[in-house]
Protein backbone atom coordinates (compact mmCIF):
# COMPACT_ATOMS: atom_id res chain seq x y z
CA MET A 1 1.83 -27.09 5.77
CA LYS A 2 4.94 -24.95 6.31
CA ILE A 3 4.58 -21.17 6.25
CA VAL A 4 7.62 -18.86 6.22
CA PHE A 5 7.31 -15.16 7.06
CA LEU A 6 10.44 -13.50 5.71
CA ASP A 7 10.24 -9.94 7.08
CA ARG A 8 8.16 -9.95 10.22
CA ALA A 9 9.85 -6.73 11.47
CA SER A 10 7.88 -4.82 8.83
CA LEU A 11 4.73 -5.36 10.93
CA GLY A 12 6.16 -4.37 14.31
CA ASP A 13 4.63 -6.14 17.29
CA THR A 14 1.45 -7.24 15.52
CA SER A 15 0.19 -10.61 16.74
CA LEU A 16 0.64 -13.47 14.29
CA ALA A 17 -1.88 -15.71 16.09
CA PRO A 18 -4.18 -16.05 13.04
CA LEU A 19 -1.24 -17.45 11.06
CA GLU A 20 0.01 -19.75 13.80
CA LYS A 21 -3.27 -21.67 13.67
CA LEU A 22 -2.78 -22.60 10.01
CA GLY A 23 0.40 -24.67 10.11
CA ALA A 24 4.07 -24.70 11.05
CA LEU A 25 5.10 -21.05 11.01
CA ALA A 26 8.76 -19.99 10.71
CA VAL A 27 9.33 -16.29 11.33
CA TYR A 28 12.34 -14.09 10.45
CA ASP A 29 12.62 -10.39 11.22
CA ASP A 30 14.29 -9.69 7.88
CA THR A 31 15.72 -11.63 4.97
CA ALA A 32 18.40 -10.33 2.61
CA GLY A 33 19.25 -11.73 -0.81
CA GLU A 34 18.09 -14.65 -2.92
CA GLN A 35 20.35 -17.21 -1.25
CA GLU A 36 18.91 -16.50 2.18
CA VAL A 37 15.34 -16.62 0.85
CA VAL A 38 15.96 -20.02 -0.73
CA GLU A 39 17.65 -21.42 2.35
CA ARG A 40 14.86 -20.34 4.66
CA CYS A 41 12.03 -21.39 2.35
CA LYS A 42 13.35 -24.69 0.96
CA ASP A 43 10.47 -26.66 2.50
CA ALA A 44 7.86 -23.90 2.39
CA ASP A 45 4.38 -24.30 0.94
CA VAL A 46 3.59 -20.65 1.64
CA ILE A 47 5.82 -17.57 1.74
CA ILE A 48 4.68 -14.38 3.47
CA CYS A 49 6.59 -11.17 2.78
CA ASN A 50 6.24 -7.43 2.54
CA LYS A 51 9.27 -6.02 0.69
CA VAL A 52 11.44 -9.10 0.16
CA LYS A 53 11.80 -9.78 -3.57
CA ILE A 54 10.61 -13.16 -4.84
CA THR A 55 12.26 -13.62 -8.22
CA ALA A 56 12.01 -16.28 -10.91
CA PRO A 57 15.26 -18.01 -9.78
CA ILE A 58 13.90 -18.18 -6.24
CA MET A 59 10.70 -19.85 -7.45
CA ASP A 60 12.71 -22.32 -9.51
CA ALA A 61 14.66 -23.28 -6.38
CA LEU A 62 11.51 -23.90 -4.30
CA PRO A 63 9.59 -26.83 -5.81
CA LYS A 64 7.12 -27.05 -2.89
CA LEU A 65 6.09 -23.39 -3.07
CA ARG A 66 2.41 -22.99 -3.91
CA LEU A 67 1.42 -19.58 -2.52
CA ILE A 68 3.03 -16.17 -1.94
CA CYS A 69 1.16 -13.84 0.41
CA ILE A 70 2.13 -10.17 0.37
CA THR A 71 1.45 -8.18 3.53
CA ALA A 72 0.68 -5.07 1.48
CA THR A 73 -1.38 -3.92 -1.47
CA GLY A 74 1.52 -3.41 -3.87
CA MET A 75 2.83 -6.53 -5.60
CA ASN A 76 5.89 -5.23 -7.45
CA ASN A 77 8.28 -7.28 -5.27
CA VAL A 78 7.13 -10.54 -6.90
CA ALA A 79 7.74 -11.76 -10.46
CA LEU A 80 4.02 -12.13 -11.10
CA LYS A 81 4.09 -13.43 -14.68
CA TYR A 82 6.59 -16.14 -13.79
CA ALA A 83 4.58 -17.12 -10.73
CA ALA A 84 1.53 -17.59 -12.96
CA GLU A 85 3.55 -19.75 -15.35
CA LYS A 86 4.56 -21.98 -12.44
CA SER A 87 1.00 -22.08 -11.04
CA ILE A 88 2.09 -20.31 -7.86
CA ASP A 89 -0.71 -18.16 -6.46
CA VAL A 90 0.17 -14.62 -5.38
CA LYS A 91 -2.23 -12.81 -3.09
CA ASN A 92 -2.02 -9.28 -1.75
CA VAL A 93 -4.23 -7.47 0.78
CA ALA A 94 -6.35 -4.53 -0.30
CA ASP A 95 -8.39 -2.03 1.70
CA TYR A 96 -6.99 -2.85 5.13
CA SER A 97 -5.58 0.59 5.94
CA THR A 98 -8.10 3.03 4.46
CA ASN A 99 -9.05 4.62 7.78
CA SER A 100 -5.45 4.72 8.98
CA VAL A 101 -4.13 6.42 5.85
CA ALA A 102 -6.98 8.92 5.75
CA GLN A 103 -6.45 9.80 9.41
CA VAL A 104 -2.70 10.32 8.97
CA THR A 105 -3.39 12.43 5.86
CA PHE A 106 -5.24 14.96 7.97
CA ALA A 107 -2.83 14.66 10.90
CA LEU A 108 -0.01 15.77 8.59
CA LEU A 109 -2.03 18.37 6.73
CA LEU A 110 -3.49 20.05 9.81
CA SER A 111 -0.16 20.06 11.64
CA LEU A 112 1.39 21.77 8.62
CA MET A 113 -1.41 24.26 8.02
CA HIS A 114 -1.66 25.25 11.68
CA SER A 115 2.10 25.42 12.40
CA ILE A 116 1.58 23.11 15.38
CA GLY A 117 5.32 22.58 15.85
CA TYR A 118 5.92 26.32 16.04
CA PHE A 119 3.12 27.00 18.54
CA ASP A 120 4.13 24.01 20.67
CA ALA A 121 7.71 25.31 20.83
CA TYR A 122 6.43 28.81 21.65
CA VAL A 123 4.68 27.53 24.76
CA LYS A 124 7.28 24.98 25.87
CA GLY A 125 10.15 27.39 25.24
CA GLY A 126 8.77 29.89 27.74
CA GLN A 127 7.85 32.70 25.35
CA TYR A 128 4.13 32.35 26.11
CA ALA A 129 4.76 32.55 29.86
CA ARG A 130 6.62 35.82 29.32
CA SER A 131 3.92 37.29 27.07
CA SER A 132 1.36 39.89 28.16
CA LEU A 133 -1.14 38.66 25.54
CA PHE A 134 -3.46 35.67 26.04
CA THR A 135 -2.84 34.46 22.49
CA HIS A 136 -0.06 34.67 19.90
CA TYR A 137 -0.04 35.98 16.33
CA GLY A 138 3.31 34.58 15.24
CA ARG A 139 1.74 32.41 12.54
CA THR A 140 -1.54 32.62 10.64
CA PHE A 141 -3.74 29.79 9.40
CA TYR A 142 -6.85 29.43 7.31
CA GLU A 143 -9.91 27.21 7.56
CA LEU A 144 -10.56 24.28 5.25
CA ALA A 145 -14.19 25.32 4.97
CA GLY A 146 -14.85 26.85 1.57
CA LYS A 147 -11.50 25.80 0.13
CA GLN A 148 -11.03 23.47 -2.84
CA PHE A 149 -9.59 20.15 -1.74
CA GLY A 150 -8.05 18.37 -4.72
CA VAL A 151 -7.65 14.59 -4.54
CA ILE A 152 -5.37 12.76 -6.96
CA GLY A 153 -6.50 9.12 -7.08
CA MET A 154 -10.11 8.35 -6.21
CA GLY A 155 -9.82 4.78 -4.92
CA ASN A 156 -10.96 3.64 -1.48
CA ILE A 157 -8.52 5.92 0.34
CA GLY A 158 -9.16 8.88 -1.93
CA ARG A 159 -12.90 8.57 -1.34
CA ARG A 160 -12.42 8.41 2.43
CA VAL A 161 -10.19 11.49 2.38
CA ALA A 162 -12.72 13.30 0.20
CA ALA A 163 -15.54 12.53 2.65
CA ILE A 164 -13.49 13.88 5.58
CA ALA A 165 -12.60 17.00 3.61
CA GLU A 166 -16.30 17.55 2.98
CA ALA A 167 -16.97 17.22 6.71
CA PHE A 168 -14.60 20.16 7.20
CA GLY A 169 -16.66 22.14 4.69
CA ALA A 170 -14.19 21.92 1.80
CA HIS A 171 -15.27 21.57 -1.83
CA VAL A 172 -13.77 18.39 -3.29
CA ALA A 173 -12.47 18.00 -6.82
CA TYR A 174 -10.42 15.10 -8.12
CA HIS A 175 -8.23 13.76 -10.88
CA SER A 176 -8.29 10.09 -11.88
CA THR A 177 -4.80 8.88 -12.78
CA SER A 178 -6.13 5.60 -14.17
CA GLY A 179 -9.08 7.09 -16.05
CA LYS A 180 -11.30 4.44 -14.45
CA ASN A 181 -12.67 6.07 -11.29
CA LEU A 182 -15.01 8.50 -13.01
CA SER A 183 -18.21 8.03 -11.02
CA ALA A 184 -17.28 9.79 -7.77
CA PRO A 185 -19.78 12.46 -6.69
CA TYR A 186 -17.19 15.22 -7.05
CA ARG A 187 -15.91 17.49 -9.79
CA LEU A 188 -13.58 15.61 -12.15
CA LEU A 189 -10.75 17.81 -13.44
CA PRO A 190 -7.71 17.43 -15.69
CA LEU A 191 -4.51 17.41 -13.64
CA ASN A 192 -3.34 20.91 -14.57
CA GLU A 193 -6.71 22.46 -13.76
CA LEU A 194 -6.83 20.61 -10.44
CA LEU A 195 -3.39 21.96 -9.54
CA GLN A 196 -4.23 25.50 -10.62
CA THR A 197 -7.51 25.73 -8.72
CA SER A 198 -6.99 23.69 -5.53
CA ASP A 199 -5.97 25.05 -2.14
CA ILE A 200 -4.93 21.57 -1.00
CA VAL A 201 -3.73 18.75 -3.27
CA SER A 202 -3.67 15.30 -1.64
CA ILE A 203 -2.18 12.33 -3.49
CA HIS A 204 -3.65 8.84 -3.01
CA ALA A 205 -2.73 7.08 -6.26
CA PRO A 206 -0.65 3.95 -6.83
CA LEU A 207 2.70 4.15 -8.59
CA SER A 208 2.45 3.31 -12.28
CA SER A 209 3.76 4.51 -15.62
CA ASN A 210 0.98 7.13 -15.48
CA THR A 211 1.96 8.48 -12.06
CA TYR A 212 5.77 8.28 -12.01
CA ASN A 213 7.03 11.86 -11.48
CA LEU A 214 3.46 13.05 -12.01
CA ILE A 215 4.20 16.09 -9.83
CA ASP A 216 7.49 17.79 -10.69
CA TYR A 217 8.65 21.40 -10.71
CA PRO A 218 6.57 22.44 -13.78
CA GLN A 219 3.40 21.10 -12.16
CA LEU A 220 4.22 22.77 -8.84
CA GLN A 221 4.57 26.08 -10.69
CA LEU A 222 0.87 25.79 -11.54
CA MET A 223 -0.23 25.66 -7.90
CA LYS A 224 -1.35 28.64 -5.83
CA PRO A 225 1.31 30.26 -3.62
CA ALA A 226 -0.97 29.56 -0.61
CA ALA A 227 -1.62 25.93 -1.56
CA TYR A 228 -0.45 22.78 0.26
CA LEU A 229 0.65 19.46 -1.20
CA VAL A 230 0.27 16.13 0.61
CA ASN A 231 1.72 12.87 -0.69
CA ILE A 232 0.73 9.73 1.15
CA GLY A 233 0.46 7.61 -2.01
CA ARG A 234 3.86 6.57 -3.37
CA GLY A 235 7.13 8.45 -3.13
CA LYS A 236 8.05 8.44 -6.81
CA ILE A 237 4.81 10.19 -7.76
CA VAL A 238 6.41 13.45 -6.57
CA ASN A 239 9.83 14.42 -7.83
CA GLU A 240 11.65 15.31 -4.62
CA ALA A 241 14.23 17.61 -6.20
CA GLY A 242 11.46 19.51 -7.97
CA LEU A 243 9.50 19.84 -4.73
CA ALA A 244 12.54 21.07 -2.79
CA ARG A 245 13.17 23.67 -5.47
CA ALA A 246 9.53 24.81 -5.37
CA LEU A 247 9.60 25.10 -1.57
CA ASN A 248 12.87 27.04 -1.62
CA GLN A 249 11.33 29.46 -4.10
CA ASN A 250 8.11 29.77 -2.06
CA LEU A 251 6.00 28.59 -5.00
CA ILE A 252 3.64 26.82 -2.56
CA ALA A 253 2.84 27.32 1.12
CA GLY A 254 4.05 23.90 2.21
CA ALA A 255 4.11 20.14 1.74
CA ALA A 256 3.66 17.02 3.85
CA LEU A 257 5.06 13.65 2.78
CA ASP A 258 4.77 10.19 4.29
CA VAL A 259 6.40 8.37 1.35
CA PHE A 260 9.71 8.76 -0.46
CA ALA A 261 11.43 7.62 -3.64
CA GLN A 262 13.87 5.66 -1.48
CA GLU A 263 12.81 4.19 1.86
CA PRO A 264 14.43 4.63 4.32
CA VAL A 265 15.10 8.11 2.96
CA SER A 266 18.63 8.75 1.69
CA HIS A 267 20.89 11.13 3.63
CA ASN A 268 21.29 13.40 0.59
CA ASN A 269 17.57 13.73 -0.14
CA PRO A 270 17.05 17.39 -1.13
CA LEU A 271 13.97 17.62 1.09
CA LEU A 272 16.18 17.26 4.19
CA SER A 273 17.92 20.55 3.43
CA VAL A 274 15.16 22.92 2.31
CA LYS A 275 15.77 26.54 3.30
CA ASN A 276 12.65 26.80 5.47
CA PRO A 277 11.97 23.44 7.12
CA GLU A 278 8.77 24.79 8.69
CA LYS A 279 7.19 24.58 5.24
CA LEU A 280 7.65 20.82 5.23
CA ILE A 281 6.46 17.92 7.39
CA LEU A 282 7.98 14.48 6.81
CA SER A 283 6.99 11.16 8.37
CA PRO A 284 8.56 7.71 7.80
CA HIS A 285 5.81 5.86 5.86
CA ILE A 286 3.49 5.51 8.86
CA GLY A 287 0.15 6.08 7.16
CA TRP A 288 -0.77 2.41 6.93
CA LEU A 289 0.34 1.19 10.35
CA SER A 290 -2.40 1.90 12.86
CA VAL A 291 -2.85 -0.97 15.33
CA GLU A 292 -6.23 -1.74 13.79
CA ALA A 293 -4.89 -1.76 10.23
CA ARG A 294 -2.07 -4.17 11.04
CA LYS A 295 -4.46 -6.49 12.88
CA THR A 296 -6.79 -6.48 9.88
CA LEU A 297 -3.84 -7.09 7.56
CA ILE A 298 -2.78 -10.29 9.34
CA GLU A 299 -6.38 -11.51 9.50
CA LYS A 300 -6.74 -11.00 5.75
CA VAL A 301 -3.44 -12.79 5.03
CA ALA A 302 -4.74 -15.74 7.03
CA LYS A 303 -7.97 -15.70 5.02
CA ASN A 304 -5.95 -15.61 1.78
CA ILE A 305 -4.17 -18.80 2.86
CA GLU A 306 -7.44 -20.46 3.83
CA SER A 307 -9.18 -19.44 0.61
CA ALA A 308 -6.34 -20.95 -1.43
CA GLY A 309 -7.17 -24.33 0.07
CA PHE A 310 -4.28 -24.60 2.47
CA ALA A 311 -6.34 -24.81 5.64
C-alpha cells in the first residue's frame, strides 16, 4: 500500500510513526495545484491531506486511489459527491481537539478581559518599579462569576467550553445554529436574545449556509457595550468589516479571534487597523494544535486507514 501525505507542514513536528507502520509513506510539506497532486499521487492507494483540494479531475487521474484521509474535521476541500460516485472513501477526524480548543478559548478571553498585555508592559516597561503603589489601577476587569456566557454552537467543543464557564461561576445560555443540539442542560435562546443578554459570546459552530456572516454589524449592535465576542469556530461566521466597525465605535468591549475569512490573514484585513488594538486579540488559528491534539489526530488517521481495510 502506498500512502501520500500532501501537506505535512500543516501538522508541524508531529510524529508520523503510526502512519509509517501501515505502508510505504511519501511525505511532502506542501503541494500546490492539481498537476502536482496528480504527479505525487499517481501510484497512491491513500491520500492524506489537510487543506489541499482533491477535485473530480484529480480523482479521475488517479485510478488506484481508494481512500482520502483528511487531517481535520472539515471536509470542504474534497469533492465528496464525486468521490462517492467513484467508490473512493473519504474519512475525516472528529473530536480530537476539544480540550485544546476549549483551553485556547479561555486563554484568549481571559487575556482580553484582564488586559494582560497592558499589565505585562506596565511591569516590564519600568512604570511599576517607579510607582509608589503596590498595585495599579490603569485597567479594570470583571469576574466571570454571575455573568451570562453565551455559546453559539453546542457540539463537543461548545459543551466543553460551557462546562468550563460554569466552573468559573458563569450562567450558560446557548444558541443552536443547526437546530439539532437542543438537549444541552442550559438555556436555549434565539440568536438575537442571546446576543442582547450575554456578557460573553463564544462561537463554536461549523461554517454552513446557516452560519455564514451570522455575526455582522447589525448583530453586534444588539450586544452590550461591556460584552466580549470570541470566535474560535470558523472565520466567515463573523463579518470582519462589521466587527472592525463595531470595535471602532465602541459598541462592544472587545473581541478575540483565532480564525479568519482568509488564512493566512490578508494584509488589508480591517481588523489589523482598528483604532484601539487593545480591544482586540488575534491568534493565527492555533486553537486545535496542542501537542496532545495533533498526536491524537495522527492516531485517528491511522485508525481510519486500518478500519477501511488497508492494514
